[in-house]
Amino acid sequence: MGIMAGHEPLLAVLAPGDVAISGSGSDGVTATVSGGFFSVDHDKVTIVAEQVEVTAGSGTR
């Protein structure tokens, strides 16, 4: 799922698997998550997962 600026607010279940994260002006990060939730609100995405392993790229976890 791609989230762009101005996306409607959203709360969803995050299935176990890989998550690709990129933002404007930053390198991308790929992480493997155990599942969890993600929300979109006011051009901000929040991911909540019990276990996360960054598998590629660099950035803040």
Foldseek 3Di string as FASTA:
>chain_A
DDDDQPDDKDKDKFDFAKDWDDDPPDDIWIKTANIAMWIDDNNDIDTDGPDIDTDDDDDDD
